Amino acid sequence: MTDNVYEIVAIHTQDSTPVLPDEIISVKLRSGLIETKQQVVDYIDAKMIYFYTTPGNPEDVTLVETVHPSTGEPYIRTRENSTTLDNLLSLPRF
């Protein structure tokens, strides 16, 4: 992996059963580092790359993007792929 490319392996959410990606408040990276949602938003907007891999299939890589709604705080989600669900919500919690 090159510099400025980070794999998200776990998430921390406001609720124990989140249904929307804007409920993610922090993430854990493969390195063990924990970053807040705002940090990840800022880093992605600064052209750093964050991604998610499907458990059991590390070759299935989905990029993470930022969303800046007209109201509310910016948040992160996986880019559109073959599912309507946000892949980040299927990650383990910490």
PDB file of N, CA and C in Angstrom:
ATOM      1  N   MET A   1       0.850  -1.177   0.000  1.00  0.00           N
ATOM      2  CA  MET A   1       0.000   0.000   0.000  1.00  0.00           C
ATOM      3  C   MET A   1       0.891   1.234   0.000  1.00  0.00           C
ATOM      4  N   THR A   2       0.514   2.217  -0.735  1.00  0.00           N
ATOM      5  CA  THR A   2       1.307   3.444  -0.811  1.00  0.00           C
ATOM      6  C   THR A   2       0.855   4.431   0.247  1.00  0.00           C
ATOM      7  N   ASP A   3       1.643   5.482   0.418  1.00  0.00           N
ATOM      8  CA  ASP A   3       1.263   6.543   1.354  1.00  0.00           C
ATOM      9  C   ASP A   3      -0.057   7.159   0.917  1.00  0.00           C
ATOM     10  N   ASN A   4      -0.807   7.652   1.887  1.00  0.00           N
ATOM     11  CA  ASN A   4      -2.087   8.322   1.639  1.00  0.00           C
ATOM     12  C   ASN A   4      -3.182   7.392   1.148  1.00  0.00           C
ATOM     13  N   VAL A   5      -3.045   6.083   1.404  1.00  0.00           N
ATOM     14  CA  VAL A   5      -4.083   5.108   1.080  1.00  0.00           C
ATOM     15  C   VAL A   5      -4.333   4.298   2.349  1.00  0.00           C
ATOM     16  N   TYR A   6      -5.598   4.277   2.808  1.00  0.00           N
ATOM     17  CA  TYR A   6      -5.921   3.705   4.106  1.00  0.00           C
ATOM     18  C   TYR A   6      -7.132   2.792   4.026  1.00  0.00           C
ATOM     19  N   GLU A   7      -7.026   1.641   4.688  1.00  0.00           N
ATOM     20  CA  GLU A   7      -8.145   0.700   4.735  1.00  0.00           C
ATOM     21  C   GLU A   7      -8.900   0.856   6.044  1.00  0.00           C
ATOM     22  N   ILE A   8     -10.209   1.054   5.948  1.00  0.00           N
ATOM     23  CA  ILE A   8     -11.074   1.114   7.126  1.00  0.00           C
ATOM     24  C   ILE A   8     -11.500  -0.309   7.461  1.00  0.00           C
ATOM     25  N   VAL A   9     -11.256  -0.733   8.715  1.00  0.00           N
ATOM     26  CA  VAL A   9     -11.553  -2.110   9.110  1.00  0.00           C
ATOM     27  C   VAL A   9     -12.646  -2.218  10.168  1.00  0.00           C
ATOM     28  N   ALA A  10     -12.996  -1.104  10.815  1.00  0.00           N
ATOM     29  CA  ALA A  10     -14.049  -1.114  11.838  1.00  0.00           C
ATOM     30  C   ALA A  10     -14.606   0.295  11.971  1.00  0.00           C
ATOM     31  N   ILE A  11     -15.815   0.374  12.515  1.00  0.00           N
ATOM     32  CA  ILE A  11     -16.473   1.674  12.684  1.00  0.00           C
ATOM     33  C   ILE A  11     -17.030   1.813  14.096  1.00  0.00           C
ATOM     34  N   HIS A  12     -17.203   3.044  14.505  1.00  0.00           N
ATOM     35  CA  HIS A  12     -17.890   3.373  15.759  1.00  0.00           C
ATOM     36  C   HIS A  12     -19.077   4.254  15.363  1.00  0.00           C
ATOM     37  N   THR A  13     -20.259   3.930  15.870  1.00  0.00           N
ATOM     38  CA  THR A  13     -21.475   4.639  15.479  1.00  0.00           C
ATOM     39  C   THR A  13     -22.197   5.220  16.681  1.00  0.00           C
ATOM     40  N   GLN A  14     -23.110   6.150  16.380  1.00  0.00           N
ATOM     41  CA  GLN A  14     -23.925   6.763  17.437  1.00  0.00           C
ATOM     42  C   GLN A  14     -24.825   5.729  18.090  1.00  0.00           C
ATOM     43  N   ASP A  15     -25.451   4.892  17.277  1.00  0.00           N
ATOM     44  CA  ASP A  15     -26.393   3.884  17.767  1.00  0.00           C
ATOM     45  C   ASP A  15     -25.813   2.497  17.545  1.00  0.00           C
ATOM     46  N   SER A  16     -26.305   1.517  18.314  1.00  0.00           N
ATOM     47  CA  SER A  16     -25.786   0.154  18.174  1.00  0.00           C
ATOM     48  C   SER A  16     -26.254  -0.517  16.889  1.00  0.00           C
ATOM     49  N   THR A  17     -27.345  -0.034  16.302  1.00  0.00           N
ATOM     50  CA  THR A  17     -27.846  -0.611  15.051  1.00  0.00           C
ATOM     51  C   THR A  17     -28.078   0.503  14.030  1.00  0.00           C
ATOM     52  N   PRO A  18     -26.998   1.081  13.515  1.00  0.00           N
ATOM     53  CA  PRO A  18     -27.145   2.192  12.570  1.00  0.00           C
ATOM     54  C   PRO A  18     -27.730   1.717  11.243  1.00  0.00           C
ATOM     55  N   VAL A  19     -28.471   2.605  10.616  1.00  0.00           N
ATOM     56  CA  VAL A  19     -29.044   2.277   9.308  1.00  0.00           C
ATOM     57  C   VAL A  19     -28.570   3.230   8.224  1.00  0.00           C
ATOM     58  N   LEU A  20     -27.948   4.320   8.617  1.00  0.00           N
ATOM     59  CA  LEU A  20     -27.466   5.306   7.652  1.00  0.00           C
ATOM     60  C   LEU A  20     -25.978   5.583   7.877  1.00  0.00           C
ATOM     61  N   PRO A  21     -25.228   5.788   6.800  1.00  0.00           N
ATOM     62  CA  PRO A  21     -23.793   6.027   6.974  1.00  0.00           C
ATOM     63  C   PRO A  21     -23.457   7.300   7.730  1.00  0.00           C
ATOM     64  N   ASP A  22     -24.381   8.255   7.810  1.00  0.00           N
ATOM     65  CA  ASP A  22     -24.068   9.478   8.551  1.00  0.00           C
ATOM     66  C   ASP A  22     -24.045   9.253  10.062  1.00  0.00           C
ATOM     67  N   GLU A  23     -24.373   8.031  10.507  1.00  0.00           N
ATOM     68  CA  GLU A  23     -24.316   7.699  11.927  1.00  0.00           C
ATOM     69  C   GLU A  23     -22.925   7.239  12.359  1.00  0.00           C
ATOM     70  N   ILE A  24     -22.004   7.092  11.433  1.00  0.00           N
ATOM     71  CA  ILE A  24     -20.625   6.728  11.756  1.00  0.00           C
ATOM     72  C   ILE A  24     -19.945   7.946  12.373  1.00  0.00           C
ATOM     73  N   ILE A  25     -19.314   7.754  13.545  1.00  0.00           N
ATOM     74  CA  ILE A  25     -18.646   8.883  14.192  1.00  0.00           C
ATOM     75  C   ILE A  25     -17.124   8.748  14.195  1.00  0.00           C
ATOM     76  N   SER A  26     -16.606   7.535  14.021  1.00  0.00           N
ATOM     77  CA  SER A  26     -15.161   7.351  13.885  1.00  0.00           C
ATOM     78  C   SER A  26     -14.896   6.005  13.222  1.00  0.00           C
ATOM     79  N   VAL A  27     -13.668   5.847  12.745  1.00  0.00           N
ATOM     80  CA  VAL A  27     -13.272   4.618  12.062  1.00  0.00           C
ATOM     81  C   VAL A  27     -11.941   4.129  12.606  1.00  0.00           C
ATOM     82  N   LYS A  28     -11.718   2.821  12.483  1.00  0.00           N
ATOM     83  CA  LYS A  28     -10.423   2.238  12.818  1.00  0.00           C
ATOM     84  C   LYS A  28      -9.783   1.788  11.521  1.00  0.00           C
ATOM     85  N   LEU A  29      -8.516   2.149  11.351  1.00  0.00           N
ATOM     86  CA  LEU A  29      -7.768   1.788  10.156  1.00  0.00           C
ATOM     87  C   LEU A  29      -7.009   0.484  10.375  1.00  0.00           C
ATOM     88  N   ARG A  30      -6.575  -0.142   9.295  1.00  0.00           N
ATOM     89  CA  ARG A  30      -5.810  -1.394   9.360  1.00  0.00           C
ATOM     90  C   ARG A  30      -4.606  -1.242  10.298  1.00  0.00           C
ATOM     91  N   SER A  31      -4.002  -0.072  10.345  1.00  0.00           N
ATOM     92  CA  SER A  31      -2.835   0.175  11.202  1.00  0.00           C
ATOM     93  C   SER A  31      -3.189   0.214  12.685  1.00  0.00           C
ATOM     94  N   GLY A  32      -4.495   0.272  13.002  1.00  0.00           N
ATOM     95  CA  GLY A  32      -4.936   0.393  14.390  1.00  0.00           C
ATOM     96  C   GLY A  32      -5.270   1.824  14.783  1.00  0.00           C
ATOM     97  N   LEU A  33      -4.891   2.768  13.944  1.00  0.00           N
ATOM     98  CA  LEU A  33      -5.177   4.180  14.199  1.00  0.00           C
ATOM     99  C   LEU A  33      -6.685   4.424  14.132  1.00  0.00           C
ATOM    100  N   ILE A  34      -7.185   5.237  15.042  1.00  0.00           N
ATOM    101  CA  ILE A  34      -8.602   5.620  15.040  1.00  0.00           C
ATOM    102  C   ILE A  34      -8.688   7.077  14.606  1.00  0.00           C
ATOM    103  N   GLU A  35      -9.581   7.341  13.660  1.00  0.00           N
ATOM    104  CA  GLU A  35      -9.793   8.701  13.165  1.00  0.00           C
ATOM    105  C   GLU A  35     -11.268   9.053  13.276  1.00  0.00           C
ATOM    106  N   THR A  36     -11.541  10.311  13.569  1.00  0.00           N
ATOM    107  CA  THR A  36     -12.926  10.768  13.630  1.00  0.00           C
ATOM    108  C   THR A  36     -13.494  10.868  12.216  1.00  0.00           C
ATOM    109  N   LYS A  37     -14.800  10.896  12.145  1.00  0.00           N
ATOM    110  CA  LYS A  37     -15.453  11.077  10.852  1.00  0.00           C
ATOM    111  C   LYS A  37     -14.976  12.358  10.190  1.00  0.00           C
ATOM    112  N   GLN A  38     -14.859  13.442  10.953  1.00  0.00           N
ATOM    113  CA  GLN A  38     -14.434  14.718  10.372  1.00  0.00           C
ATOM    114  C   GLN A  38     -13.011  14.636   9.835  1.00  0.00           C
ATOM    115  N   GLN A  39     -12.126  13.942  10.537  1.00  0.00           N
ATOM    116  CA  GLN A  39     -10.767  13.775  10.031  1.00  0.00           C
ATOM    117  C   GLN A  39     -10.775  13.057   8.685  1.00  0.00           C
ATOM    118  N   VAL A  40     -11.547  11.974   8.596  1.00  0.00           N
ATOM    119  CA  VAL A  40     -11.613  11.207   7.350  1.00  0.00           C
ATOM    120  C   VAL A  40     -12.197  12.067   6.231  1.00  0.00           C
ATOM    121  N   VAL A  41     -13.248  12.815   6.522  1.00  0.00           N
ATOM    122  CA  VAL A  41     -13.829  13.728   5.525  1.00  0.00           C
ATOM    123  C   VAL A  41     -12.758  14.698   5.035  1.00  0.00           C
ATOM    124  N   ASP A  42     -12.043  15.317   5.967  1.00  0.00           N
ATOM    125  CA  ASP A  42     -11.005  16.283   5.591  1.00  0.00           C
ATOM    126  C   ASP A  42      -9.907  15.631   4.755  1.00  0.00           C
ATOM    127  N   TYR A  43      -9.474  14.437   5.153  1.00  0.00           N
ATOM    128  CA  TYR A  43      -8.394  13.758   4.433  1.00  0.00           C
ATOM    129  C   TYR A  43      -8.832  13.324   3.036  1.00  0.00           C
ATOM    130  N   ILE A  44     -10.044  12.799   2.907  1.00  0.00           N
ATOM    131  CA  ILE A  44     -10.530  12.408   1.580  1.00  0.00           C
ATOM    132  C   ILE A  44     -10.660  13.652   0.695  1.00  0.00           C
ATOM    133  N   ASP A  45     -11.187  14.724   1.250  1.00  0.00           N
ATOM    134  CA  ASP A  45     -11.312  15.967   0.476  1.00  0.00           C
ATOM    135  C   ASP A  45      -9.940  16.521   0.071  1.00  0.00           C
ATOM    136  N   ALA A  46      -8.888  16.155   0.825  1.00  0.00           N
ATOM    137  CA  ALA A  46      -7.518  16.569   0.500  1.00  0.00           C
ATOM    138  C   ALA A  46      -6.832  15.539  -0.413  1.00  0.00           C
ATOM    139  N   LYS A  47      -7.627  14.646  -0.981  1.00  0.00           N
ATOM    140  CA  LYS A  47      -7.148  13.668  -1.977  1.00  0.00           C
ATOM    141  C   LYS A  47      -6.482  12.425  -1.409  1.00  0.00           C
ATOM    142  N   MET A  48      -6.635  12.162  -0.116  1.00  0.00           N
ATOM    143  CA  MET A  48      -6.174  10.879   0.421  1.00  0.00           C
ATOM    144  C   MET A  48      -7.225   9.835   0.056  1.00  0.00           C
ATOM    145  N   ILE A  49      -6.824   8.592   0.003  1.00  0.00           N
ATOM    146  CA  ILE A  49      -7.726   7.520  -0.426  1.00  0.00           C
ATOM    147  C   ILE A  49      -8.019   6.595   0.744  1.00  0.00           C
ATOM    148  N   TYR A  50      -9.295   6.384   0.987  1.00  0.00           N
ATOM    149  CA  TYR A  50      -9.762   5.435   1.992  1.00  0.00           C
ATOM    150  C   TYR A  50     -10.590   4.382   1.274  1.00  0.00           C
ATOM    151  N   PHE A  51     -10.495   3.142   1.762  1.00  0.00           N
ATOM    152  CA  PHE A  51     -11.248   2.079   1.124  1.00  0.00           C
ATOM    153  C   PHE A  51     -11.702   1.045   2.136  1.00  0.00           C
ATOM    154  N   TYR A  52     -12.553   0.176   1.675  1.00  0.00           N
ATOM    155  CA  TYR A  52     -13.153  -0.901   2.446  1.00  0.00           C
ATOM    156  C   TYR A  52     -12.968  -2.162   1.611  1.00  0.00           C
ATOM    157  N   THR A  53     -12.690  -3.292   2.254  1.00  0.00           N
ATOM    158  CA  THR A  53     -12.689  -4.559   1.531  1.00  0.00           C
ATOM    159  C   THR A  53     -13.736  -5.477   2.141  1.00  0.00           C
ATOM    160  N   THR A  54     -14.349  -6.260   1.289  1.00  0.00           N
ATOM    161  CA  THR A  54     -15.372  -7.195   1.745  1.00  0.00           C
ATOM    162  C   THR A  54     -14.726  -8.274   2.607  1.00  0.00           C
ATOM    163  N   PRO A  55     -15.251  -8.512   3.817  1.00  0.00           N
ATOM    164  CA  PRO A  55     -14.679  -9.574   4.658  1.00  0.00           C
ATOM    165  C   PRO A  55     -14.663 -10.901   3.894  1.00  0.00           C
ATOM    166  N   GLY A  56     -13.538 -11.581   3.955  1.00  0.00           N
ATOM    167  CA  GLY A  56     -13.406 -12.850   3.261  1.00  0.00           C
ATOM    168  C   GLY A  56     -13.050 -12.719   1.790  1.00  0.00           C
ATOM    169  N   ASN A  57     -13.040 -11.494   1.261  1.00  0.00           N
ATOM    170  CA  ASN A  57     -12.699 -11.274  -0.137  1.00  0.00           C
ATOM    171  C   ASN A  57     -11.885  -9.980  -0.254  1.00  0.00           C
ATOM    172  N   PRO A  58     -10.608 -10.029   0.142  1.00  0.00           N
ATOM    173  CA  PRO A  58      -9.800  -8.804   0.161  1.00  0.00           C
ATOM    174  C   PRO A  58      -9.573  -8.179  -1.216  1.00  0.00           C
ATOM    175  N   GLU A  59      -9.912  -8.896  -2.271  1.00  0.00           N
ATOM    176  CA  GLU A  59      -9.755  -8.328  -3.610  1.00  0.00           C
ATOM    177  C   GLU A  59     -10.950  -7.467  -4.021  1.00  0.00           C
ATOM    178  N   ASP A  60     -12.034  -7.544  -3.242  1.00  0.00           N
ATOM    179  CA  ASP A  60     -13.235  -6.747  -3.512  1.00  0.00           C
ATOM    180  C   ASP A  60     -13.098  -5.412  -2.784  1.00  0.00           C
ATOM    181  N   VAL A  61     -12.502  -4.444  -3.445  1.00  0.00           N
ATOM    182  CA  VAL A  61     -12.188  -3.137  -2.848  1.00  0.00           C
ATOM    183  C   VAL A  61     -13.233  -2.108  -3.278  1.00  0.00           C
ATOM    184  N   THR A  62     -13.757  -1.376  -2.310  1.00  0.00           N
ATOM    185  CA  THR A  62     -14.698  -0.295  -2.583  1.00  0.00           C
ATOM    186  C   THR A  62     -14.142   0.982  -1.969  1.00  0.00           C
ATOM    187  N   LEU A  63     -14.084   2.028  -2.752  1.00  0.00           N
ATOM    188  CA  LEU A  63     -13.580   3.310  -2.258  1.00  0.00           C
ATOM    189  C   LEU A  63     -14.607   4.001  -1.369  1.00  0.00           C
ATOM    190  N   VAL A  64     -14.109   4.810  -0.456  1.00  0.00           N
ATOM    191  CA  VAL A  64     -14.947   5.601   0.442  1.00  0.00           C
ATOM    192  C   VAL A  64     -14.935   7.032  -0.074  1.00  0.00           C
ATOM    193  N   GLU A  65     -16.093   7.677  -0.031  1.00  0.00           N
ATOM    194  CA  GLU A  65     -16.222   9.054  -0.491  1.00  0.00           C
ATOM    195  C   GLU A  65     -16.861   9.911   0.582  1.00  0.00           C
ATOM    196  N   THR A  66     -16.780  11.217   0.398  1.00  0.00           N
ATOM    197  CA  THR A  66     -17.438  12.136   1.325  1.00  0.00           C
ATOM    198  C   THR A  66     -18.739  12.632   0.720  1.00  0.00           C
ATOM    199  N   VAL A  67     -19.663  12.964   1.608  1.00  0.00           N
ATOM    200  CA  VAL A  67     -20.934  13.549   1.210  1.00  0.00           C
ATOM    201  C   VAL A  67     -21.079  14.851   1.995  1.00  0.00           C
ATOM    202  N   HIS A  68     -21.407  15.917   1.282  1.00  0.00           N
ATOM    203  CA  HIS A  68     -21.595  17.228   1.908  1.00  0.00           C
ATOM    204  C   HIS A  68     -23.038  17.666   1.665  1.00  0.00           C
ATOM    205  N   PRO A  69     -23.965  17.245   2.562  1.00  0.00           N
ATOM    206  CA  PRO A  69     -25.368  17.623   2.365  1.00  0.00           C
ATOM    207  C   PRO A  69     -25.580  19.120   2.564  1.00  0.00           C
ATOM    208  N   SER A  70     -26.659  19.633   1.996  1.00  0.00           N
ATOM    209  CA  SER A  70     -26.950  21.063   2.131  1.00  0.00           C
ATOM    210  C   SER A  70     -27.291  21.431   3.574  1.00  0.00           C
ATOM    211  N   THR A  71     -27.801  20.464   4.323  1.00  0.00           N
ATOM    212  CA  THR A  71     -28.029  20.662   5.760  1.00  0.00           C
ATOM    213  C   THR A  71     -27.378  19.511   6.494  1.00  0.00           C
ATOM    214  N   GLY A  72     -26.861  19.775   7.663  1.00  0.00           N
ATOM    215  CA  GLY A  72     -26.210  18.733   8.444  1.00  0.00           C
ATOM    216  C   GLY A  72     -24.716  18.663   8.171  1.00  0.00           C
ATOM    217  N   GLU A  73     -24.059  17.773   8.897  1.00  0.00           N
ATOM    218  CA  GLU A  73     -22.618  17.632   8.808  1.00  0.00           C
ATOM    219  C   GLU A  73     -22.220  16.722   7.651  1.00  0.00           C
ATOM    220  N   PRO A  74     -21.029  16.918   7.104  1.00  0.00           N
ATOM    221  CA  PRO A  74     -20.544  15.994   6.086  1.00  0.00           C
ATOM    222  C   PRO A  74     -20.334  14.610   6.696  1.00  0.00           C
ATOM    223  N   TYR A  75     -20.389  13.581   5.859  1.00  0.00           N
ATOM    224  CA  TYR A  75     -20.183  12.220   6.343  1.00  0.00           C
ATOM    225  C   TYR A  75     -19.493  11.399   5.266  1.00  0.00           C
ATOM    226  N   ILE A  76     -19.180  10.149   5.606  1.00  0.00           N
ATOM    227  CA  ILE A  76     -18.513   9.254   4.665  1.00  0.00           C
ATOM    228  C   ILE A  76     -19.432   8.087   4.330  1.00  0.00           C
ATOM    229  N   ARG A  77     -19.210   7.533   3.145  1.00  0.00           N
ATOM    230  CA  ARG A  77     -19.938   6.338   2.717  1.00  0.00           C
ATOM    231  C   ARG A  77     -19.106   5.668   1.631  1.00  0.00           C
ATOM    232  N   THR A  78     -19.455   4.440   1.327  1.00  0.00           N
ATOM    233  CA  THR A  78     -18.763   3.783   0.219  1.00  0.00           C
ATOM    234  C   THR A  78     -19.344   4.289  -1.084  1.00  0.00           C
ATOM    235  N   ARG A  79     -18.490   4.302  -2.101  1.00  0.00           N
ATOM    236  CA  ARG A  79     -18.969   4.698  -3.429  1.00  0.00           C
ATOM    237  C   ARG A  79     -19.958   3.666  -3.927  1.00  0.00           C
ATOM    238  N   GLU A  80     -20.815   4.092  -4.824  1.00  0.00           N
ATOM    239  CA  GLU A  80     -21.843   3.214  -5.367  1.00  0.00           C
ATOM    240  C   GLU A  80     -21.209   1.962  -5.959  1.00  0.00           C
ATOM    241  N   ASN A  81     -21.820   0.830  -5.610  1.00  0.00           N
ATOM    242  CA  ASN A  81     -21.373  -0.436  -6.174  1.00  0.00           C
ATOM    243  C   ASN A  81     -22.585  -1.329  -6.389  1.00  0.00           C
ATOM    244  N   SER A  82     -22.419  -2.626  -6.325  1.00  0.00           N
ATOM    245  CA  SER A  82     -23.502  -3.551  -6.665  1.00  0.00           C
ATOM    246  C   SER A  82     -24.574  -3.683  -5.592  1.00  0.00           C
ATOM    247  N   THR A  83     -24.448  -3.018  -4.465  1.00  0.00           N
ATOM    248  CA  THR A  83     -25.452  -3.094  -3.415  1.00  0.00           C
ATOM    249  C   THR A  83     -25.985  -1.703  -3.090  1.00  0.00           C
ATOM    250  N   THR A  84     -27.212  -1.652  -2.604  1.00  0.00           N
ATOM    251  CA  THR A  84     -27.782  -0.368  -2.205  1.00  0.00           C
ATOM    252  C   THR A  84     -27.420  -0.031  -0.762  1.00  0.00           C
ATOM    253  N   LEU A  85     -26.865  -0.995  -0.032  1.00  0.00           N
ATOM    254  CA  LEU A  85     -26.476  -0.766   1.353  1.00  0.00           C
ATOM    255  C   LEU A  85     -25.085  -0.160   1.400  1.00  0.00           C
ATOM    256  N   ASP A  86     -24.782   0.561   2.466  1.00  0.00           N
ATOM    257  CA  ASP A  86     -23.455   1.109   2.617  1.00  0.00           C
ATOM    258  C   ASP A  86     -22.578   0.037   3.251  1.00  0.00           C
ATOM    259  N   ASN A  87     -21.517  -0.335   2.557  1.00  0.00           N
ATOM    260  CA  ASN A  87     -20.637  -1.403   3.023  1.00  0.00           C
ATOM    261  C   ASN A  87     -19.993  -1.106   4.366  1.00  0.00           C
ATOM    262  N   LEU A  88     -19.732   0.131   4.664  1.00  0.00           N
ATOM    263  CA  LEU A  88     -19.093   0.462   5.931  1.00  0.00           C
ATOM    264  C   LEU A  88     -19.927  -0.001   7.128  1.00  0.00           C
ATOM    265  N   LEU A  89     -21.222  -0.005   6.978  1.00  0.00           N
ATOM    266  CA  LEU A  89     -22.098  -0.401   8.091  1.00  0.00           C
ATOM    267  C   LEU A  89     -22.014  -1.888   8.398  1.00  0.00           C
ATOM    268  N   SER A  90     -21.424  -2.667   7.499  1.00  0.00           N
ATOM    269  CA  SER A  90     -21.277  -4.106   7.757  1.00  0.00           C
ATOM    270  C   SER A  90     -19.966  -4.431   8.472  1.00  0.00           C
ATOM    271  N   LEU A  91     -19.128  -3.433   8.678  1.00  0.00           N
ATOM    272  CA  LEU A  91     -17.859  -3.650   9.372  1.00  0.00           C
ATOM    273  C   LEU A  91     -18.060  -3.875  10.868  1.00  0.00           C
ATOM    274  N   PRO A  92     -17.092  -4.522  11.506  1.00  0.00           N
ATOM    275  CA  PRO A  92     -17.182  -4.693  12.975  1.00  0.00           C
ATOM    276  C   PRO A  92     -17.202  -3.337  13.671  1.00  0.00           C
ATOM    277  N   ARG A  93     -17.747  -3.342  14.886  1.00  0.00           N
ATOM    278  CA  ARG A  93     -17.800  -2.131  15.709  1.00  0.00           C
ATOM    279  C   ARG A  93     -16.650  -2.155  16.707  1.00  0.00           C
ATOM    280  N   PHE A  94     -16.248  -0.983  17.131  1.00  0.00           N
ATOM    281  CA  PHE A  94     -15.243  -0.893  18.216  1.00  0.00           C
ATOM    282  C   PHE A  94     -15.698   0.134  19.225  1.00  0.00           C
TER     283      PHE A  94
END
